Amino acid sequence: MVPSRRLLVVEDEPLVAALLQEALSGAGFTVAAANSAAEAKKVAKDFDPDIAVVDINLGSGANGIDLAFVLHATYPGIALVILTKHPDLRTAGFSKKDLPPGCGFLRKDLIRDSKHIVSAIEEVIAKPSNVRQDSDPQRPLAKLTSAQIEVLRMLSQGHTNAAIAAKRGTSIRATEQLINLVYLGLGIPVDGDINPRVEATRMFINATGMPDRQ
C-alpha cells in the first residue's frame, strides 16, 4: 500500500480552511490544519508534513512567507504552495526573491472548484516551477511597476502623499509623479467625474483585499 501523503493547510479563514481540508482529504491526502504560523509550527512538529499549503496573510504574528522559509529549512524536500488572494507577491509587499526556492504560487480567485485545487497541488508536487500564477501577464495590476505597486498599497492604507514620500525617502513631487503613473497604468483619467485616488484604491482593494495599515 502506498503511504498517504501528509499535507498541512495553514489558513486563517475557517471556511476556506474547511473546504481545503475536505477537498484534499477526499483526494487521498492526510490533512492537518493550522490557522496561524505559530500553530503551524507546533502541528508540523508531530505531523511531519510532505506538503504545505500556506496563505500569506495569517493575522497577527508571522506571515505565510516567514512560515514558508521555516518549513523549507526544517523539513527538507517539503513541497510548498502559497495560496493567496494576492495576484502577485508585490501587492503583499514582497518580491519573488522573498519565496523559498521551488515554491508554487496559486491565486484563490482562480480556484474554480475542489478538483482544480487538487490538480494544481499535484502539479506543484511534480514540478513547482510550473505553477506560478503570480507570473500571469493578465493578472490584476500586472501593468504596474514594483514602485507603483508600493505607492498604490500605501494609498490604499490611507497614507497622504507626504507620508508616502517620507516612508519611501523621496520628495513629495516625486511621489505625486509616481501616483500619476499609477493612474495612467490603471487607465484612470485624472480629469473625469471619478476621483482617481479613490478609484485606484478601490481597484487595489478589489484585487487584493483590504491591506493592513503599516
C-alpha atoms as a PDB file:
ATOM      1  CA  MET A   1       0.000   0.000   0.000  1.00  0.00           C
ATOM      2  CA  VAL A   2       1.312   3.468  -0.925  1.00  0.00           C
ATOM      3  CA  PRO A   3       1.557   5.603   2.231  1.00  0.00           C
ATOM      4  CA  SER A   4      -0.757   8.604   2.376  1.00  0.00           C
ATOM      5  CA  ARG A   5       0.924  11.939   1.752  1.00  0.00           C
ATOM      6  CA  ARG A   6       0.768  14.326   4.708  1.00  0.00           C
ATOM      7  CA  LEU A   7      -0.430  17.810   3.790  1.00  0.00           C
ATOM      8  CA  LEU A   8      -0.527  20.798   6.141  1.00  0.00           C
ATOM      9  CA  VAL A   9      -3.066  23.561   5.424  1.00  0.00           C
ATOM     10  CA  VAL A  10      -2.269  26.930   7.008  1.00  0.00           C
ATOM     11  CA  GLU A  11      -5.221  29.268   6.543  1.00  0.00           C
ATOM     12  CA  ASP A  12      -6.824  31.738   8.964  1.00  0.00           C
ATOM     13  CA  GLU A  13     -10.225  31.862   7.240  1.00  0.00           C
ATOM     14  CA  PRO A  14     -12.222  28.969   8.782  1.00  0.00           C
ATOM     15  CA  LEU A  15     -14.477  28.399   5.757  1.00  0.00           C
ATOM     16  CA  VAL A  16     -11.584  28.300   3.298  1.00  0.00           C
ATOM     17  CA  ALA A  17      -9.614  26.001   5.608  1.00  0.00           C
ATOM     18  CA  ALA A  18     -12.580  23.629   5.954  1.00  0.00           C
ATOM     19  CA  LEU A  19     -13.137  23.498   2.183  1.00  0.00           C
ATOM     20  CA  LEU A  20      -9.452  22.780   1.566  1.00  0.00           C
ATOM     21  CA  GLN A  21      -9.389  20.033   4.202  1.00  0.00           C
ATOM     22  CA  GLU A  22     -12.455  18.365   2.730  1.00  0.00           C
ATOM     23  CA  ALA A  23     -11.207  18.523  -0.866  1.00  0.00           C
ATOM     24  CA  LEU A  24      -7.689  17.328  -0.093  1.00  0.00           C
ATOM     25  CA  SER A  25      -8.780  14.576   2.273  1.00  0.00           C
ATOM     26  CA  GLY A  26     -11.142  13.343  -0.429  1.00  0.00           C
ATOM     27  CA  ALA A  27      -8.197  13.242  -2.832  1.00  0.00           C
ATOM     28  CA  GLY A  28      -6.299  10.869  -0.575  1.00  0.00           C
ATOM     29  CA  PHE A  29      -4.099  13.226   1.423  1.00  0.00           C
ATOM     30  CA  THR A  30      -3.774  13.003   5.183  1.00  0.00           C
ATOM     31  CA  VAL A  31      -4.541  16.586   6.171  1.00  0.00           C
ATOM     32  CA  ALA A  32      -3.748  18.660   9.247  1.00  0.00           C
ATOM     33  CA  ALA A  33      -4.670  22.323   9.622  1.00  0.00           C
ATOM     34  CA  ALA A  34      -3.480  25.409  11.462  1.00  0.00           C
ATOM     35  CA  ASN A  35      -4.753  28.990  11.467  1.00  0.00           C
ATOM     36  CA  SER A  36      -1.500  30.802  12.280  1.00  0.00           C
ATOM     37  CA  ALA A  37       2.235  30.455  11.741  1.00  0.00           C
ATOM     38  CA  ALA A  38       2.792  29.697  15.437  1.00  0.00           C
ATOM     39  CA  GLU A  39       0.167  26.938  15.450  1.00  0.00           C
ATOM     40  CA  ALA A  40       1.503  25.559  12.148  1.00  0.00           C
ATOM     41  CA  LYS A  41       4.980  25.107  13.627  1.00  0.00           C
ATOM     42  CA  LYS A  42       3.518  23.202  16.576  1.00  0.00           C
ATOM     43  CA  VAL A  43       1.326  20.998  14.357  1.00  0.00           C
ATOM     44  CA  ALA A  44       4.153  20.304  11.911  1.00  0.00           C
ATOM     45  CA  LYS A  45       6.443  19.075  14.685  1.00  0.00           C
ATOM     46  CA  ASP A  46       4.308  15.958  15.216  1.00  0.00           C
ATOM     47  CA  PHE A  47       2.718  15.792  11.760  1.00  0.00           C
ATOM     48  CA  ASP A  48       5.965  15.903   9.712  1.00  0.00           C
ATOM     49  CA  PRO A  49       4.305  17.228   6.525  1.00  0.00           C
ATOM     50  CA  ASP A  50       5.287  16.288   2.978  1.00  0.00           C
ATOM     51  CA  ILE A  51       3.368  19.250   1.524  1.00  0.00           C
ATOM     52  CA  ALA A  52       2.213  22.580   2.956  1.00  0.00           C
ATOM     53  CA  VAL A  53      -0.410  24.928   1.503  1.00  0.00           C
ATOM     54  CA  VAL A  54       0.089  28.325   3.116  1.00  0.00           C
ATOM     55  CA  ASP A  55      -1.794  31.620   2.933  1.00  0.00           C
ATOM     56  CA  ILE A  56       0.282  34.818   3.061  1.00  0.00           C
ATOM     57  CA  ASN A  57      -1.943  36.750   5.440  1.00  0.00           C
ATOM     58  CA  LEU A  58      -2.301  34.873   8.721  1.00  0.00           C
ATOM     59  CA  GLY A  59      -3.455  37.599  11.088  1.00  0.00           C
ATOM     60  CA  SER A  60      -1.199  38.806  13.881  1.00  0.00           C
ATOM     61  CA  GLY A  61       2.259  37.295  14.202  1.00  0.00           C
ATOM     62  CA  ALA A  62       4.430  35.818  11.473  1.00  0.00           C
ATOM     63  CA  ASN A  63       3.063  35.780   7.920  1.00  0.00           C
ATOM     64  CA  GLY A  64       2.937  32.906   5.459  1.00  0.00           C
ATOM     65  CA  ILE A  65       6.191  33.903   3.751  1.00  0.00           C
ATOM     66  CA  ASP A  66       8.059  33.715   7.066  1.00  0.00           C
ATOM     67  CA  LEU A  67       6.451  30.335   7.736  1.00  0.00           C
ATOM     68  CA  ALA A  68       7.356  29.008   4.280  1.00  0.00           C
ATOM     69  CA  PHE A  69      11.048  29.640   4.966  1.00  0.00           C
ATOM     70  CA  VAL A  70      10.817  27.901   8.351  1.00  0.00           C
ATOM     71  CA  LEU A  71       9.125  24.855   6.815  1.00  0.00           C
ATOM     72  CA  HIS A  72      11.616  24.781   3.931  1.00  0.00           C
ATOM     73  CA  ALA A  73      14.537  24.750   6.377  1.00  0.00           C
ATOM     74  CA  THR A  74      13.001  22.333   8.877  1.00  0.00           C
ATOM     75  CA  TYR A  75      11.518  19.719   6.522  1.00  0.00           C
ATOM     76  CA  PRO A  76      13.910  19.053   3.616  1.00  0.00           C
ATOM     77  CA  GLY A  77      12.084  18.087   0.448  1.00  0.00           C
ATOM     78  CA  ILE A  78       8.735  19.541   1.528  1.00  0.00           C
ATOM     79  CA  ALA A  79       6.553  20.800  -1.338  1.00  0.00           C
ATOM     80  CA  LEU A  80       5.395  24.339  -0.610  1.00  0.00           C
ATOM     81  CA  VAL A  81       2.406  26.105  -2.119  1.00  0.00           C
ATOM     82  CA  ILE A  82       1.407  29.711  -1.452  1.00  0.00           C
ATOM     83  CA  LEU A  83      -2.373  30.028  -1.814  1.00  0.00           C
ATOM     84  CA  THR A  84      -3.456  33.652  -1.577  1.00  0.00           C
ATOM     85  CA  LYS A  85      -5.903  36.316  -2.662  1.00  0.00           C
ATOM     86  CA  HIS A  86      -2.974  38.444  -3.893  1.00  0.00           C
ATOM     87  CA  PRO A  87      -2.374  38.472  -7.666  1.00  0.00           C
ATOM     88  CA  ASP A  88       1.375  38.524  -7.040  1.00  0.00           C
ATOM     89  CA  LEU A  89       3.878  38.972  -4.226  1.00  0.00           C
ATOM     90  CA  ARG A  90       4.315  42.702  -4.864  1.00  0.00           C
ATOM     91  CA  THR A  91       0.790  43.534  -3.766  1.00  0.00           C
ATOM     92  CA  ALA A  92       1.527  41.828  -0.451  1.00  0.00           C
ATOM     93  CA  GLY A  93       4.719  43.849  -0.015  1.00  0.00           C
ATOM     94  CA  PHE A  94       7.168  41.149  -1.166  1.00  0.00           C
ATOM     95  CA  SER A  95       9.133  40.211  -4.282  1.00  0.00           C
ATOM     96  CA  LYS A  96       9.857  36.885  -5.974  1.00  0.00           C
ATOM     97  CA  LYS A  97      13.164  36.572  -4.147  1.00  0.00           C
ATOM     98  CA  ASP A  98      11.220  36.505  -0.878  1.00  0.00           C
ATOM     99  CA  LEU A  99       9.913  32.977  -1.560  1.00  0.00           C
ATOM    100  CA  PRO A 100      11.859  29.779  -0.814  1.00  0.00           C
ATOM    101  CA  PRO A 101      13.166  28.023  -3.956  1.00  0.00           C
ATOM    102  CA  GLY A 102      10.718  25.664  -5.637  1.00  0.00           C
ATOM    103  CA  CYS A 103       7.642  27.218  -4.033  1.00  0.00           C
ATOM    104  CA  GLY A 104       4.417  27.215  -6.079  1.00  0.00           C
ATOM    105  CA  PHE A 105       2.027  30.180  -6.152  1.00  0.00           C
ATOM    106  CA  LEU A 106      -1.743  29.771  -6.521  1.00  0.00           C
ATOM    107  CA  ARG A 107      -4.345  32.549  -6.575  1.00  0.00           C
ATOM    108  CA  LYS A 108      -7.591  31.974  -4.710  1.00  0.00           C
ATOM    109  CA  ASP A 109      -9.575  33.833  -7.369  1.00  0.00           C
ATOM    110  CA  LEU A 110      -8.501  31.256  -9.982  1.00  0.00           C
ATOM    111  CA  ILE A 111      -9.555  28.224  -7.932  1.00  0.00           C
ATOM    112  CA  ARG A 112     -12.767  27.176  -9.624  1.00  0.00           C
ATOM    113  CA  ASP A 113     -13.555  24.021  -7.635  1.00  0.00           C
ATOM    114  CA  SER A 114     -12.045  21.340  -5.405  1.00  0.00           C
ATOM    115  CA  LYS A 115     -10.763  19.316  -8.379  1.00  0.00           C
ATOM    116  CA  HIS A 116      -8.839  22.362  -9.585  1.00  0.00           C
ATOM    117  CA  ILE A 117      -7.036  22.883  -6.272  1.00  0.00           C
ATOM    118  CA  VAL A 118      -6.154  19.186  -6.059  1.00  0.00           C
ATOM    119  CA  SER A 119      -4.771  19.093  -9.609  1.00  0.00           C
ATOM    120  CA  ALA A 120      -2.810  22.307  -9.028  1.00  0.00           C
ATOM    121  CA  ILE A 121      -1.242  20.916  -5.861  1.00  0.00           C
ATOM    122  CA  GLU A 122      -0.381  17.676  -7.655  1.00  0.00           C
ATOM    123  CA  GLU A 123       1.340  19.754 -10.327  1.00  0.00           C
ATOM    124  CA  VAL A 124       3.289  21.702  -7.704  1.00  0.00           C
ATOM    125  CA  ILE A 125       4.460  18.418  -6.177  1.00  0.00           C
ATOM    126  CA  ALA A 126       5.605  17.212  -9.599  1.00  0.00           C
ATOM    127  CA  LYS A 127       7.249  20.458 -10.747  1.00  0.00           C
ATOM    128  CA  PRO A 128       6.786  23.572  -8.597  1.00  0.00           C
ATOM    129  CA  SER A 129       8.228  25.992 -11.149  1.00  0.00           C
ATOM    130  CA  ASN A 130       5.316  25.205 -13.488  1.00  0.00           C
ATOM    131  CA  VAL A 131       2.739  26.586 -11.053  1.00  0.00           C
ATOM    132  CA  ARG A 132       3.445  30.302 -10.642  1.00  0.00           C
ATOM    133  CA  GLN A 133       0.175  32.116 -11.196  1.00  0.00           C
ATOM    134  CA  ASP A 134       1.877  35.289  -9.983  1.00  0.00           C
ATOM    135  CA  SER A 135       3.650  35.424 -13.368  1.00  0.00           C
ATOM    136  CA  ASP A 136       0.434  35.580 -15.414  1.00  0.00           C
ATOM    137  CA  PRO A 137       0.629  38.744 -17.570  1.00  0.00           C
ATOM    138  CA  GLN A 138      -3.170  39.066 -17.371  1.00  0.00           C
ATOM    139  CA  ARG A 139      -3.287  39.169 -13.551  1.00  0.00           C
ATOM    140  CA  PRO A 140      -4.748  42.283 -11.882  1.00  0.00           C
ATOM    141  CA  LEU A 141      -2.339  45.242 -11.570  1.00  0.00           C
ATOM    142  CA  ALA A 142       0.226  43.435 -13.752  1.00  0.00           C
ATOM    143  CA  LYS A 143       0.997  46.578 -15.771  1.00  0.00           C
ATOM    144  CA  LEU A 144       2.254  48.471 -12.734  1.00  0.00           C
ATOM    145  CA  THR A 145       5.904  48.508 -11.733  1.00  0.00           C
ATOM    146  CA  SER A 146       7.023  47.403  -8.284  1.00  0.00           C
ATOM    147  CA  ALA A 147       7.455  51.046  -7.221  1.00  0.00           C
ATOM    148  CA  GLN A 148       3.956  51.882  -8.452  1.00  0.00           C
ATOM    149  CA  ILE A 149       2.505  48.901  -6.595  1.00  0.00           C
ATOM    150  CA  GLU A 150       4.288  50.031  -3.422  1.00  0.00           C
ATOM    151  CA  VAL A 151       2.790  53.515  -3.686  1.00  0.00           C
ATOM    152  CA  LEU A 152      -0.651  52.117  -4.502  1.00  0.00           C
ATOM    153  CA  ARG A 153      -0.520  49.907  -1.397  1.00  0.00           C
ATOM    154  CA  MET A 154       0.263  52.973   0.707  1.00  0.00           C
ATOM    155  CA  LEU A 155      -2.578  54.916  -0.915  1.00  0.00           C
ATOM    156  CA  SER A 156      -4.903  52.044  -0.047  1.00  0.00           C
ATOM    157  CA  GLN A 157      -3.655  52.123   3.543  1.00  0.00           C
ATOM    158  CA  GLY A 158      -4.835  55.745   3.747  1.00  0.00           C
ATOM    159  CA  HIS A 159      -1.455  57.494   3.761  1.00  0.00           C
ATOM    160  CA  THR A 160      -1.065  61.054   2.491  1.00  0.00           C
ATOM    161  CA  ASN A 161       1.399  61.967  -0.241  1.00  0.00           C
ATOM    162  CA  ALA A 162       3.698  63.482   2.392  1.00  0.00           C
ATOM    163  CA  ALA A 163       3.597  60.289   4.467  1.00  0.00           C
ATOM    164  CA  ILE A 164       4.292  58.128   1.400  1.00  0.00           C
ATOM    165  CA  ALA A 165       7.233  60.340   0.440  1.00  0.00           C
ATOM    166  CA  ALA A 166       8.672  60.093   3.962  1.00  0.00           C
ATOM    167  CA  LYS A 167       8.280  56.313   4.088  1.00  0.00           C
ATOM    168  CA  ARG A 168       9.969  55.893   0.696  1.00  0.00           C
ATOM    169  CA  GLY A 169      12.659  58.513   1.276  1.00  0.00           C
ATOM    170  CA  THR A 170      11.666  60.600  -1.735  1.00  0.00           C
ATOM    171  CA  SER A 171      10.217  64.046  -2.362  1.00  0.00           C
ATOM    172  CA  ILE A 172       6.509  64.819  -2.403  1.00  0.00           C
ATOM    173  CA  ARG A 173       6.856  65.900  -6.049  1.00  0.00           C
ATOM    174  CA  ALA A 174       8.407  62.539  -6.997  1.00  0.00           C
ATOM    175  CA  THR A 175       5.594  60.796  -5.126  1.00  0.00           C
ATOM    176  CA  GLU A 176       2.949  62.803  -6.966  1.00  0.00           C
ATOM    177  CA  GLN A 177       4.542  61.904 -10.301  1.00  0.00           C
ATOM    178  CA  LEU A 178       4.569  58.222  -9.356  1.00  0.00           C
ATOM    179  CA  ILE A 179       0.920  58.354  -8.305  1.00  0.00           C
ATOM    180  CA  ASN A 180       0.034  59.900 -11.672  1.00  0.00           C
ATOM    181  CA  LEU A 181       1.839  56.991 -13.367  1.00  0.00           C
ATOM    182  CA  VAL A 182      -0.299  54.623 -11.270  1.00  0.00           C
ATOM    183  CA  TYR A 183      -3.431  56.311 -12.608  1.00  0.00           C
ATOM    184  CA  LEU A 184      -2.073  56.039 -16.141  1.00  0.00           C
ATOM    185  CA  GLY A 185      -1.200  52.351 -15.710  1.00  0.00           C
ATOM    186  CA  LEU A 186      -4.665  51.609 -14.384  1.00  0.00           C
ATOM    187  CA  GLY A 187      -6.388  53.589 -17.126  1.00  0.00           C
ATOM    188  CA  ILE A 188      -7.900  56.081 -14.687  1.00  0.00           C
ATOM    189  CA  PRO A 189      -8.483  59.583 -16.123  1.00  0.00           C
ATOM    190  CA  VAL A 190      -7.362  62.361 -13.797  1.00  0.00           C
ATOM    191  CA  ASP A 191      -9.915  64.871 -15.122  1.00  0.00           C
ATOM    192  CA  GLY A 192     -13.044  62.692 -15.166  1.00  0.00           C
ATOM    193  CA  ASP A 193     -16.077  62.534 -12.889  1.00  0.00           C
ATOM    194  CA  ILE A 194     -14.467  59.903 -10.624  1.00  0.00           C
ATOM    195  CA  ASN A 195     -11.851  60.775  -8.015  1.00  0.00           C
ATOM    196  CA  PRO A 196      -8.710  58.989  -9.321  1.00  0.00           C
ATOM    197  CA  ARG A 197      -7.237  58.403  -5.840  1.00  0.00           C
ATOM    198  CA  VAL A 198     -10.423  56.741  -4.652  1.00  0.00           C
ATOM    199  CA  GLU A 199     -10.742  54.702  -7.847  1.00  0.00           C
ATOM    200  CA  ALA A 200      -7.139  53.480  -7.659  1.00  0.00           C
ATOM    201  CA  THR A 201      -7.656  52.473  -4.039  1.00  0.00           C
ATOM    202  CA  ARG A 202     -10.894  50.705  -4.946  1.00  0.00           C
ATOM    203  CA  MET A 203      -9.132  48.731  -7.692  1.00  0.00           C
ATOM    204  CA  PHE A 204      -6.310  47.680  -5.359  1.00  0.00           C
ATOM    205  CA  ILE A 205      -8.675  46.523  -2.605  1.00  0.00           C
ATOM    206  CA  ASN A 206     -10.844  44.708  -5.151  1.00  0.00           C
ATOM    207  CA  ALA A 207      -7.765  42.777  -6.368  1.00  0.00           C
ATOM    208  CA  THR A 208      -6.112  42.059  -3.031  1.00  0.00           C
ATOM    209  CA  GLY A 209      -8.471  42.753  -0.150  1.00  0.00           C
ATOM    210  CA  MET A 210      -8.014  45.457   2.466  1.00  0.00           C
ATOM    211  CA  PRO A 211      -4.299  45.910   3.253  1.00  0.00           C
ATOM    212  CA  ASP A 212      -3.103  46.135   6.848  1.00  0.00           C
ATOM    213  CA  ARG A 213      -2.043  49.643   7.773  1.00  0.00           C
ATOM    214  CA  GLN A 214       1.692  49.954   8.404  1.00  0.00           C
END
